[in-house]
Amino acid sequence: MKETEEFLEATLAYVPPVNEKLTDGAILKALDDIAADYRAVVLLVDVEEFSYKEAADILTIPLGTVMSRLSRGRKMLREKLTDVARSY
């Protein structure tokens, strides 16, 4: 059991927290900088709090596409906001 816990701790990726000094403007700019397909899904699911299925229906795309775009869109935002946070 201990070996399993050690393995999990060693393989989990650490994602540093986002700097609390990020402004709304920086977040909106980061959103504007990602492709519209990804931005639409991120806004519907993360901002408007629609379910994945509701977002799929609104955008008339498959559920799997919503999940894929959301994952990639979040990653793009994280990368852009990490760069902005480092500049503070």
PDB file of N, CA and C in Angstrom:
ATOM      1  N   MET A   1       0.817  -1.188   0.000  1.00  0.00           N
ATOM      2  CA  MET A   1       0.000   0.000   0.000  1.00  0.00           C
ATOM      3  C   MET A   1       0.867   1.260   0.000  1.00  0.00           C
ATOM      4  N   LYS A   2       1.903   1.277   0.809  1.00  0.00           N
ATOM      5  CA  LYS A   2       2.795   2.429   0.885  1.00  0.00           C
ATOM      6  C   LYS A   2       3.479   2.686  -0.451  1.00  0.00           C
ATOM      7  N   GLU A   3       3.857   1.611  -1.140  1.00  0.00           N
ATOM      8  CA  GLU A   3       4.500   1.765  -2.454  1.00  0.00           C
ATOM      9  C   GLU A   3       3.546   2.426  -3.440  1.00  0.00           C
ATOM     10  N   THR A   4       2.271   2.055  -3.396  1.00  0.00           N
ATOM     11  CA  THR A   4       1.276   2.639  -4.287  1.00  0.00           C
ATOM     12  C   THR A   4       1.127   4.133  -4.010  1.00  0.00           C
ATOM     13  N   GLU A   5       1.063   4.499  -2.734  1.00  0.00           N
ATOM     14  CA  GLU A   5       0.945   5.914  -2.376  1.00  0.00           C
ATOM     15  C   GLU A   5       2.163   6.703  -2.834  1.00  0.00           C
ATOM     16  N   GLU A   6       3.350   6.136  -2.654  1.00  0.00           N
ATOM     17  CA  GLU A   6       4.576   6.808  -3.079  1.00  0.00           C
ATOM     18  C   GLU A   6       4.599   6.971  -4.592  1.00  0.00           C
ATOM     19  N   PHE A   7       4.147   5.925  -5.309  1.00  0.00           N
ATOM     20  CA  PHE A   7       4.097   5.989  -6.761  1.00  0.00           C
ATOM     21  C   PHE A   7       3.156   7.099  -7.211  1.00  0.00           C
ATOM     22  N   LEU A   8       1.966   7.167  -6.597  1.00  0.00           N
ATOM     23  CA  LEU A   8       0.994   8.193  -6.973  1.00  0.00           C
ATOM     24  C   LEU A   8       1.533   9.589  -6.699  1.00  0.00           C
ATOM     25  N   GLU A   9       2.166   9.783  -5.555  1.00  0.00           N
ATOM     26  CA  GLU A   9       2.728  11.087  -5.231  1.00  0.00           C
ATOM     27  C   GLU A   9       3.813  11.488  -6.220  1.00  0.00           C
ATOM     28  N   ALA A  10       4.594  10.517  -6.667  1.00  0.00           N
ATOM     29  CA  ALA A  10       5.697  10.804  -7.581  1.00  0.00           C
ATOM     30  C   ALA A  10       5.207  11.091  -9.000  1.00  0.00           C
ATOM     31  N   THR A  11       4.040  10.553  -9.372  1.00  0.00           N
ATOM     32  CA  THR A  11       3.588  10.692 -10.750  1.00  0.00           C
ATOM     33  C   THR A  11       2.543  11.782 -10.952  1.00  0.00           C
ATOM     34  N   LEU A  12       1.975  12.293  -9.883  1.00  0.00           N
ATOM     35  CA  LEU A  12       0.987  13.361 -10.035  1.00  0.00           C
ATOM     36  C   LEU A  12       1.682  14.650 -10.419  1.00  0.00           C
ATOM     37  N   ALA A  13       1.122  15.317 -11.391  1.00  0.00           N
ATOM     38  CA  ALA A  13       1.709  16.584 -11.842  1.00  0.00           C
ATOM     39  C   ALA A  13       1.244  17.708 -10.933  1.00  0.00           C
ATOM     40  N   TYR A  14       2.168  18.528 -10.515  1.00  0.00           N
ATOM     41  CA  TYR A  14       1.840  19.678  -9.686  1.00  0.00           C
ATOM     42  C   TYR A  14       1.509  20.855 -10.582  1.00  0.00           C
ATOM     43  N   VAL A  15       0.355  21.448 -10.343  1.00  0.00           N
ATOM     44  CA  VAL A  15      -0.033  22.644 -11.068  1.00  0.00           C
ATOM     45  C   VAL A  15      -0.022  23.790 -10.061  1.00  0.00           C
ATOM     46  N   PRO A  16       0.906  24.737 -10.210  1.00  0.00           N
ATOM     47  CA  PRO A  16       0.987  25.830  -9.244  1.00  0.00           C
ATOM     48  C   PRO A  16      -0.282  26.670  -9.273  1.00  0.00           C
ATOM     49  N   PRO A  17      -0.668  27.240  -8.141  1.00  0.00           N
ATOM     50  CA  PRO A  17      -1.876  28.064  -8.110  1.00  0.00           C
ATOM     51  C   PRO A  17      -1.693  29.331  -8.938  1.00  0.00           C
ATOM     52  N   VAL A  18      -2.794  29.845  -9.431  1.00  0.00           N
ATOM     53  CA  VAL A  18      -2.772  31.064 -10.227  1.00  0.00           C
ATOM     54  C   VAL A  18      -2.616  32.255  -9.289  1.00  0.00           C
ATOM     55  N   ASN A  19      -1.786  33.166  -9.680  1.00  0.00           N
ATOM     56  CA  ASN A  19      -1.540  34.362  -8.891  1.00  0.00           C
ATOM     57  C   ASN A  19      -2.846  35.114  -8.649  1.00  0.00           C
ATOM     58  N   GLU A  20      -3.077  35.532  -7.421  1.00  0.00           N
ATOM     59  CA  GLU A  20      -4.311  36.223  -7.072  1.00  0.00           C
ATOM     60  C   GLU A  20      -4.366  37.640  -7.627  1.00  0.00           C
ATOM     61  N   LYS A  21      -3.273  38.138  -8.164  1.00  0.00           N
ATOM     62  CA  LYS A  21      -3.233  39.491  -8.711  1.00  0.00           C
ATOM     63  C   LYS A  21      -3.747  39.561 -10.145  1.00  0.00           C
ATOM     64  N   LEU A  22      -4.135  38.438 -10.725  1.00  0.00           N
ATOM     65  CA  LEU A  22      -4.649  38.457 -12.087  1.00  0.00           C
ATOM     66  C   LEU A  22      -5.897  39.321 -12.149  1.00  0.00           C
ATOM     67  N   THR A  23      -5.932  40.185 -13.124  1.00  0.00           N
ATOM     68  CA  THR A  23      -7.076  41.081 -13.271  1.00  0.00           C
ATOM     69  C   THR A  23      -8.106  40.475 -14.212  1.00  0.00           C
ATOM     70  N   ASP A  24      -9.309  40.998 -14.141  1.00  0.00           N
ATOM     71  CA  ASP A  24     -10.347  40.566 -15.072  1.00  0.00           C
ATOM     72  C   ASP A  24      -9.908  40.825 -16.509  1.00  0.00           C
ATOM     73  N   GLY A  25      -9.228  41.947 -16.705  1.00  0.00           N
ATOM     74  CA  GLY A  25      -8.748  42.279 -18.048  1.00  0.00           C
ATOM     75  C   GLY A  25      -7.779  41.251 -18.586  1.00  0.00           C
ATOM     76  N   ALA A  26      -6.881  40.760 -17.716  1.00  0.00           N
ATOM     77  CA  ALA A  26      -5.914  39.746 -18.143  1.00  0.00           C
ATOM     78  C   ALA A  26      -6.625  38.443 -18.494  1.00  0.00           C
ATOM     79  N   ILE A  27      -7.633  38.106 -17.718  1.00  0.00           N
ATOM     80  CA  ILE A  27      -8.389  36.875 -17.987  1.00  0.00           C
ATOM     81  C   ILE A  27      -9.167  37.016 -19.292  1.00  0.00           C
ATOM     82  N   LEU A  28      -9.802  38.171 -19.487  1.00  0.00           N
ATOM     83  CA  LEU A  28     -10.556  38.387 -20.731  1.00  0.00           C
ATOM     84  C   LEU A  28      -9.634  38.389 -21.945  1.00  0.00           C
ATOM     85  N   LYS A  29      -8.451  38.971 -21.795  1.00  0.00           N
ATOM     86  CA  LYS A  29      -7.486  38.962 -22.903  1.00  0.00           C
ATOM     87  C   LYS A  29      -7.069  37.538 -23.225  1.00  0.00           C
ATOM     88  N   ALA A  30      -6.807  36.735 -22.193  1.00  0.00           N
ATOM     89  CA  ALA A  30      -6.424  35.338 -22.413  1.00  0.00           C
ATOM     90  C   ALA A  30      -7.548  34.590 -23.120  1.00  0.00           C
ATOM     91  N   LEU A  31      -8.784  34.856 -22.735  1.00  0.00           N
ATOM     92  CA  LEU A  31      -9.925  34.231 -23.415  1.00  0.00           C
ATOM     93  C   LEU A  31      -9.982  34.654 -24.873  1.00  0.00           C
ATOM     94  N   ASP A  32      -9.745  35.946 -25.132  1.00  0.00           N
ATOM     95  CA  ASP A  32      -9.769  36.452 -26.511  1.00  0.00           C
ATOM     96  C   ASP A  32      -8.663  35.832 -27.361  1.00  0.00           C
ATOM     97  N   ASP A  33      -7.576  35.439 -26.717  1.00  0.00           N
ATOM     98  CA  ASP A  33      -6.418  34.909 -27.445  1.00  0.00           C
ATOM     99  C   ASP A  33      -6.555  33.441 -27.839  1.00  0.00           C
ATOM    100  N   ILE A  34      -7.555  32.733 -27.295  1.00  0.00           N
ATOM    101  CA  ILE A  34      -7.710  31.327 -27.709  1.00  0.00           C
ATOM    102  C   ILE A  34      -8.738  31.257 -28.830  1.00  0.00           C
ATOM    103  N   ALA A  35      -8.672  30.212 -29.617  1.00  0.00           N
ATOM    104  CA  ALA A  35      -9.559  30.047 -30.772  1.00  0.00           C
ATOM    105  C   ALA A  35     -11.024  30.056 -30.341  1.00  0.00           C
ATOM    106  N   ALA A  36     -11.875  30.580 -31.191  1.00  0.00           N
ATOM    107  CA  ALA A  36     -13.299  30.754 -30.892  1.00  0.00           C
ATOM    108  C   ALA A  36     -13.985  29.441 -30.504  1.00  0.00           C
ATOM    109  N   ASP A  37     -13.616  28.330 -31.156  1.00  0.00           N
ATOM    110  CA  ASP A  37     -14.243  27.036 -30.837  1.00  0.00           C
ATOM    111  C   ASP A  37     -13.989  26.643 -29.387  1.00  0.00           C
ATOM    112  N   TYR A  38     -12.759  26.864 -28.928  1.00  0.00           N
ATOM    113  CA  TYR A  38     -12.407  26.524 -27.546  1.00  0.00           C
ATOM    114  C   TYR A  38     -13.016  27.537 -26.578  1.00  0.00           C
ATOM    115  N   ARG A  39     -12.965  28.808 -26.943  1.00  0.00           N
ATOM    116  CA  ARG A  39     -13.499  29.864 -26.096  1.00  0.00           C
ATOM    117  C   ARG A  39     -14.992  29.654 -25.840  1.00  0.00           C
ATOM    118  N   ALA A  40     -15.740  29.290 -26.870  1.00  0.00           N
ATOM    119  CA  ALA A  40     -17.183  29.095 -26.726  1.00  0.00           C
ATOM    120  C   ALA A  40     -17.493  28.011 -25.700  1.00  0.00           C
ATOM    121  N   VAL A  41     -16.772  26.903 -25.768  1.00  0.00           N
ATOM    122  CA  VAL A  41     -17.018  25.802 -24.836  1.00  0.00           C
ATOM    123  C   VAL A  41     -16.620  26.200 -23.416  1.00  0.00           C
ATOM    124  N   VAL A  42     -15.474  26.847 -23.257  1.00  0.00           N
ATOM    125  CA  VAL A  42     -15.032  27.282 -21.921  1.00  0.00           C
ATOM    126  C   VAL A  42     -16.046  28.249 -21.320  1.00  0.00           C
ATOM    127  N   LEU A  43     -16.514  29.185 -22.099  1.00  0.00           N
ATOM    128  CA  LEU A  43     -17.486  30.151 -21.587  1.00  0.00           C
ATOM    129  C   LEU A  43     -18.798  29.476 -21.197  1.00  0.00           C
ATOM    130  N   LEU A  44     -19.296  28.583 -22.032  1.00  0.00           N
ATOM    131  CA  LEU A  44     -20.561  27.913 -21.726  1.00  0.00           C
ATOM    132  C   LEU A  44     -20.467  27.042 -20.476  1.00  0.00           C
ATOM    133  N   VAL A  45     -19.401  26.264 -20.378  1.00  0.00           N
ATOM    134  CA  VAL A  45     -19.290  25.302 -19.274  1.00  0.00           C
ATOM    135  C   VAL A  45     -18.752  25.948 -17.999  1.00  0.00           C
ATOM    136  N   ASP A  46     -17.661  26.695 -18.106  1.00  0.00           N
ATOM    137  CA  ASP A  46     -17.010  27.226 -16.908  1.00  0.00           C
ATOM    138  C   ASP A  46     -17.592  28.557 -16.418  1.00  0.00           C
ATOM    139  N   VAL A  47     -18.079  29.377 -17.317  1.00  0.00           N
ATOM    140  CA  VAL A  47     -18.604  30.677 -16.910  1.00  0.00           C
ATOM    141  C   VAL A  47     -20.123  30.626 -16.739  1.00  0.00           C
ATOM    142  N   GLU A  48     -20.801  30.142 -17.761  1.00  0.00           N
ATOM    143  CA  GLU A  48     -22.266  30.088 -17.720  1.00  0.00           C
ATOM    144  C   GLU A  48     -22.797  28.859 -16.982  1.00  0.00           C
ATOM    145  N   GLU A  49     -21.914  27.920 -16.685  1.00  0.00           N
ATOM    146  CA  GLU A  49     -22.226  26.705 -15.923  1.00  0.00           C
ATOM    147  C   GLU A  49     -23.273  25.799 -16.577  1.00  0.00           C
ATOM    148  N   PHE A  50     -23.246  25.727 -17.918  1.00  0.00           N
ATOM    149  CA  PHE A  50     -24.064  24.753 -18.611  1.00  0.00           C
ATOM    150  C   PHE A  50     -23.406  23.389 -18.456  1.00  0.00           C
ATOM    151  N   SER A  51     -24.196  22.338 -18.511  1.00  0.00           N
ATOM    152  CA  SER A  51     -23.635  20.991 -18.484  1.00  0.00           C
ATOM    153  C   SER A  51     -22.968  20.715 -19.828  1.00  0.00           C
ATOM    154  N   TYR A  52     -22.160  19.667 -19.872  1.00  0.00           N
ATOM    155  CA  TYR A  52     -21.505  19.298 -21.133  1.00  0.00           C
ATOM    156  C   TYR A  52     -22.564  19.024 -22.201  1.00  0.00           C
ATOM    157  N   LYS A  53     -23.622  18.321 -21.831  1.00  0.00           N
ATOM    158  CA  LYS A  53     -24.672  17.989 -22.791  1.00  0.00           C
ATOM    159  C   LYS A  53     -25.369  19.250 -23.286  1.00  0.00           C
ATOM    160  N   GLU A  54     -25.663  20.169 -22.379  1.00  0.00           N
ATOM    161  CA  GLU A  54     -26.303  21.420 -22.793  1.00  0.00           C
ATOM    162  C   GLU A  54     -25.398  22.203 -23.747  1.00  0.00           C
ATOM    163  N   ALA A  55     -24.114  22.258 -23.447  1.00  0.00           N
ATOM    164  CA  ALA A  55     -23.171  22.951 -24.329  1.00  0.00           C
ATOM    165  C   ALA A  55     -23.130  22.278 -25.696  1.00  0.00           C
ATOM    166  N   ALA A  56     -23.139  20.953 -25.707  1.00  0.00           N
ATOM    167  CA  ALA A  56     -23.139  20.218 -26.975  1.00  0.00           C
ATOM    168  C   ALA A  56     -24.382  20.552 -27.787  1.00  0.00           C
ATOM    169  N   ASP A  57     -25.528  20.623 -27.123  1.00  0.00           N
ATOM    170  CA  ASP A  57     -26.779  20.957 -27.815  1.00  0.00           C
ATOM    171  C   ASP A  57     -26.752  22.391 -28.344  1.00  0.00           C
ATOM    172  N   ILE A  58     -26.274  23.311 -27.529  1.00  0.00           N
ATOM    173  CA  ILE A  58     -26.222  24.728 -27.937  1.00  0.00           C
ATOM    174  C   ILE A  58     -25.314  24.902 -29.149  1.00  0.00           C
ATOM    175  N   LEU A  59     -24.160  24.238 -29.118  1.00  0.00           N
ATOM    176  CA  LEU A  59     -23.178  24.395 -30.195  1.00  0.00           C
ATOM    177  C   LEU A  59     -23.381  23.401 -31.337  1.00  0.00           C
ATOM    178  N   THR A  60     -24.340  22.515 -31.181  1.00  0.00           N
ATOM    179  CA  THR A  60     -24.622  21.431 -32.143  1.00  0.00           C
ATOM    180  C   THR A  60     -23.349  20.665 -32.524  1.00  0.00           C
ATOM    181  N   ILE A  61     -22.640  20.212 -31.498  1.00  0.00           N
ATOM    182  CA  ILE A  61     -21.456  19.378 -31.676  1.00  0.00           C
ATOM    183  C   ILE A  61     -21.578  18.170 -30.749  1.00  0.00           C
ATOM    184  N   PRO A  62     -20.844  17.092 -31.037  1.00  0.00           N
ATOM    185  CA  PRO A  62     -20.920  15.906 -30.185  1.00  0.00           C
ATOM    186  C   PRO A  62     -20.385  16.182 -28.771  1.00  0.00           C
ATOM    187  N   LEU A  63     -20.885  15.419 -27.822  1.00  0.00           N
ATOM    188  CA  LEU A  63     -20.473  15.545 -26.428  1.00  0.00           C
ATOM    189  C   LEU A  63     -18.962  15.357 -26.274  1.00  0.00           C
ATOM    190  N   GLY A  64     -18.398  14.405 -26.975  1.00  0.00           N
ATOM    191  CA  GLY A  64     -16.958  14.169 -26.920  1.00  0.00           C
ATOM    192  C   GLY A  64     -16.158  15.371 -27.394  1.00  0.00           C
ATOM    193  N   THR A  65     -16.689  16.081 -28.366  1.00  0.00           N
ATOM    194  CA  THR A  65     -16.022  17.287 -28.865  1.00  0.00           C
ATOM    195  C   THR A  65     -16.038  18.379 -27.801  1.00  0.00           C
ATOM    196  N   VAL A  66     -17.145  18.481 -27.075  1.00  0.00           N
ATOM    197  CA  VAL A  66     -17.214  19.452 -25.970  1.00  0.00           C
ATOM    198  C   VAL A  66     -16.133  19.140 -24.946  1.00  0.00           C
ATOM    199  N   MET A  67     -16.030  17.880 -24.559  1.00  0.00           N
ATOM    200  CA  MET A  67     -15.049  17.494 -23.545  1.00  0.00           C
ATOM    201  C   MET A  67     -13.625  17.755 -24.035  1.00  0.00           C
ATOM    202  N   SER A  68     -13.358  17.441 -25.281  1.00  0.00           N
ATOM    203  CA  SER A  68     -12.031  17.652 -25.856  1.00  0.00           C
ATOM    204  C   SER A  68     -11.686  19.138 -25.923  1.00  0.00           C
ATOM    205  N   ARG A  69     -12.611  19.927 -26.437  1.00  0.00           N
ATOM    206  CA  ARG A  69     -12.360  21.364 -26.563  1.00  0.00           C
ATOM    207  C   ARG A  69     -12.234  22.029 -25.193  1.00  0.00           C
ATOM    208  N   LEU A  70     -13.017  21.574 -24.233  1.00  0.00           N
ATOM    209  CA  LEU A  70     -12.935  22.134 -22.894  1.00  0.00           C
ATOM    210  C   LEU A  70     -11.567  21.846 -22.278  1.00  0.00           C
ATOM    211  N   SER A  71     -11.112  20.621 -22.422  1.00  0.00           N
ATOM    212  CA  SER A  71      -9.803  20.253 -21.883  1.00  0.00           C
ATOM    213  C   SER A  71      -8.702  21.076 -22.535  1.00  0.00           C
ATOM    214  N   ARG A  72      -8.726  21.168 -23.847  1.00  0.00           N
ATOM    215  CA  ARG A  72      -7.693  21.927 -24.561  1.00  0.00           C
ATOM    216  C   ARG A  72      -7.812  23.425 -24.292  1.00  0.00           C
ATOM    217  N   GLY A  73      -9.041  23.940 -24.234  1.00  0.00           N
ATOM    218  CA  GLY A  73      -9.251  25.353 -23.959  1.00  0.00           C
ATOM    219  C   GLY A  73      -8.769  25.739 -22.576  1.00  0.00           C
ATOM    220  N   ARG A  74      -9.046  24.896 -21.591  1.00  0.00           N
ATOM    221  CA  ARG A  74      -8.558  25.160 -20.233  1.00  0.00           C
ATOM    222  C   ARG A  74      -7.035  25.145 -20.195  1.00  0.00           C
ATOM    223  N   LYS A  75      -6.443  24.215 -20.927  1.00  0.00           N
ATOM    224  CA  LYS A  75      -4.983  24.130 -20.948  1.00  0.00           C
ATOM    225  C   LYS A  75      -4.394  25.391 -21.576  1.00  0.00           C
ATOM    226  N   MET A  76      -4.978  25.854 -22.679  1.00  0.00           N
ATOM    227  CA  MET A  76      -4.498  27.078 -23.328  1.00  0.00           C
ATOM    228  C   MET A  76      -4.604  28.270 -22.387  1.00  0.00           C
ATOM    229  N   LEU A  77      -5.732  28.380 -21.698  1.00  0.00           N
ATOM    230  CA  LEU A  77      -5.914  29.485 -20.749  1.00  0.00           C
ATOM    231  C   LEU A  77      -4.904  29.405 -19.617  1.00  0.00           C
ATOM    232  N   ARG A  78      -4.710  28.213 -19.096  1.00  0.00           N
ATOM    233  CA  ARG A  78      -3.753  28.027 -18.001  1.00  0.00           C
ATOM    234  C   ARG A  78      -2.363  28.477 -18.428  1.00  0.00           C
ATOM    235  N   GLU A  79      -1.966  28.094 -19.651  1.00  0.00           N
ATOM    236  CA  GLU A  79      -0.643  28.484 -20.149  1.00  0.00           C
ATOM    237  C   GLU A  79      -0.533  30.000 -20.304  1.00  0.00           C
ATOM    238  N   LYS A  80      -1.554  30.620 -20.871  1.00  0.00           N
ATOM    239  CA  LYS A  80      -1.526  32.071 -21.073  1.00  0.00           C
ATOM    240  C   LYS A  80      -1.539  32.816 -19.744  1.00  0.00           C
ATOM    241  N   LEU A  81      -2.361  32.348 -18.811  1.00  0.00           N
ATOM    242  CA  LEU A  81      -2.461  33.039 -17.525  1.00  0.00           C
ATOM    243  C   LEU A  81      -1.238  32.797 -16.650  1.00  0.00           C
ATOM    244  N   THR A  82      -0.594  31.666 -16.817  1.00  0.00           N
ATOM    245  CA  THR A  82       0.645  31.414 -16.078  1.00  0.00           C
ATOM    246  C   THR A  82       1.711  32.405 -16.520  1.00  0.00           C
ATOM    247  N   ASP A  83       1.792  32.630 -17.818  1.00  0.00           N
ATOM    248  CA  ASP A  83       2.770  33.614 -18.323  1.00  0.00           C
ATOM    249  C   ASP A  83       2.459  35.006 -17.792  1.00  0.00           C
ATOM    250  N   VAL A  84       1.193  35.382 -17.761  1.00  0.00           N
ATOM    251  CA  VAL A  84       0.792  36.696 -17.257  1.00  0.00           C
ATOM    252  C   VAL A  84       1.120  36.794 -15.768  1.00  0.00           C
ATOM    253  N   ALA A  85       0.794  35.759 -15.008  1.00  0.00           N
ATOM    254  CA  ALA A  85       1.036  35.765 -13.555  1.00  0.00           C
ATOM    255  C   ALA A  85       2.530  35.881 -13.244  1.00  0.00           C
ATOM    256  N   ARG A  86       3.357  35.253 -14.044  1.00  0.00           N
ATOM    257  CA  ARG A  86       4.811  35.332 -13.826  1.00  0.00           C
ATOM    258  C   ARG A  86       5.324  36.749 -14.035  1.00  0.00           C
ATOM    259  N   SER A  87       4.649  37.492 -14.878  1.00  0.00           N
ATOM    260  CA  SER A  87       5.110  38.844 -15.159  1.00  0.00           C
ATOM    261  C   SER A  87       4.833  39.815 -14.004  1.00  0.00           C
ATOM    262  N   TYR A  88       3.981  39.434 -13.065  1.00  0.00           N
ATOM    263  CA  TYR A  88       3.659  40.315 -11.943  1.00  0.00           C
ATOM    264  C   TYR A  88       4.789  40.381 -10.984  1.00  0.00           C
TER     265      TYR A  88
END
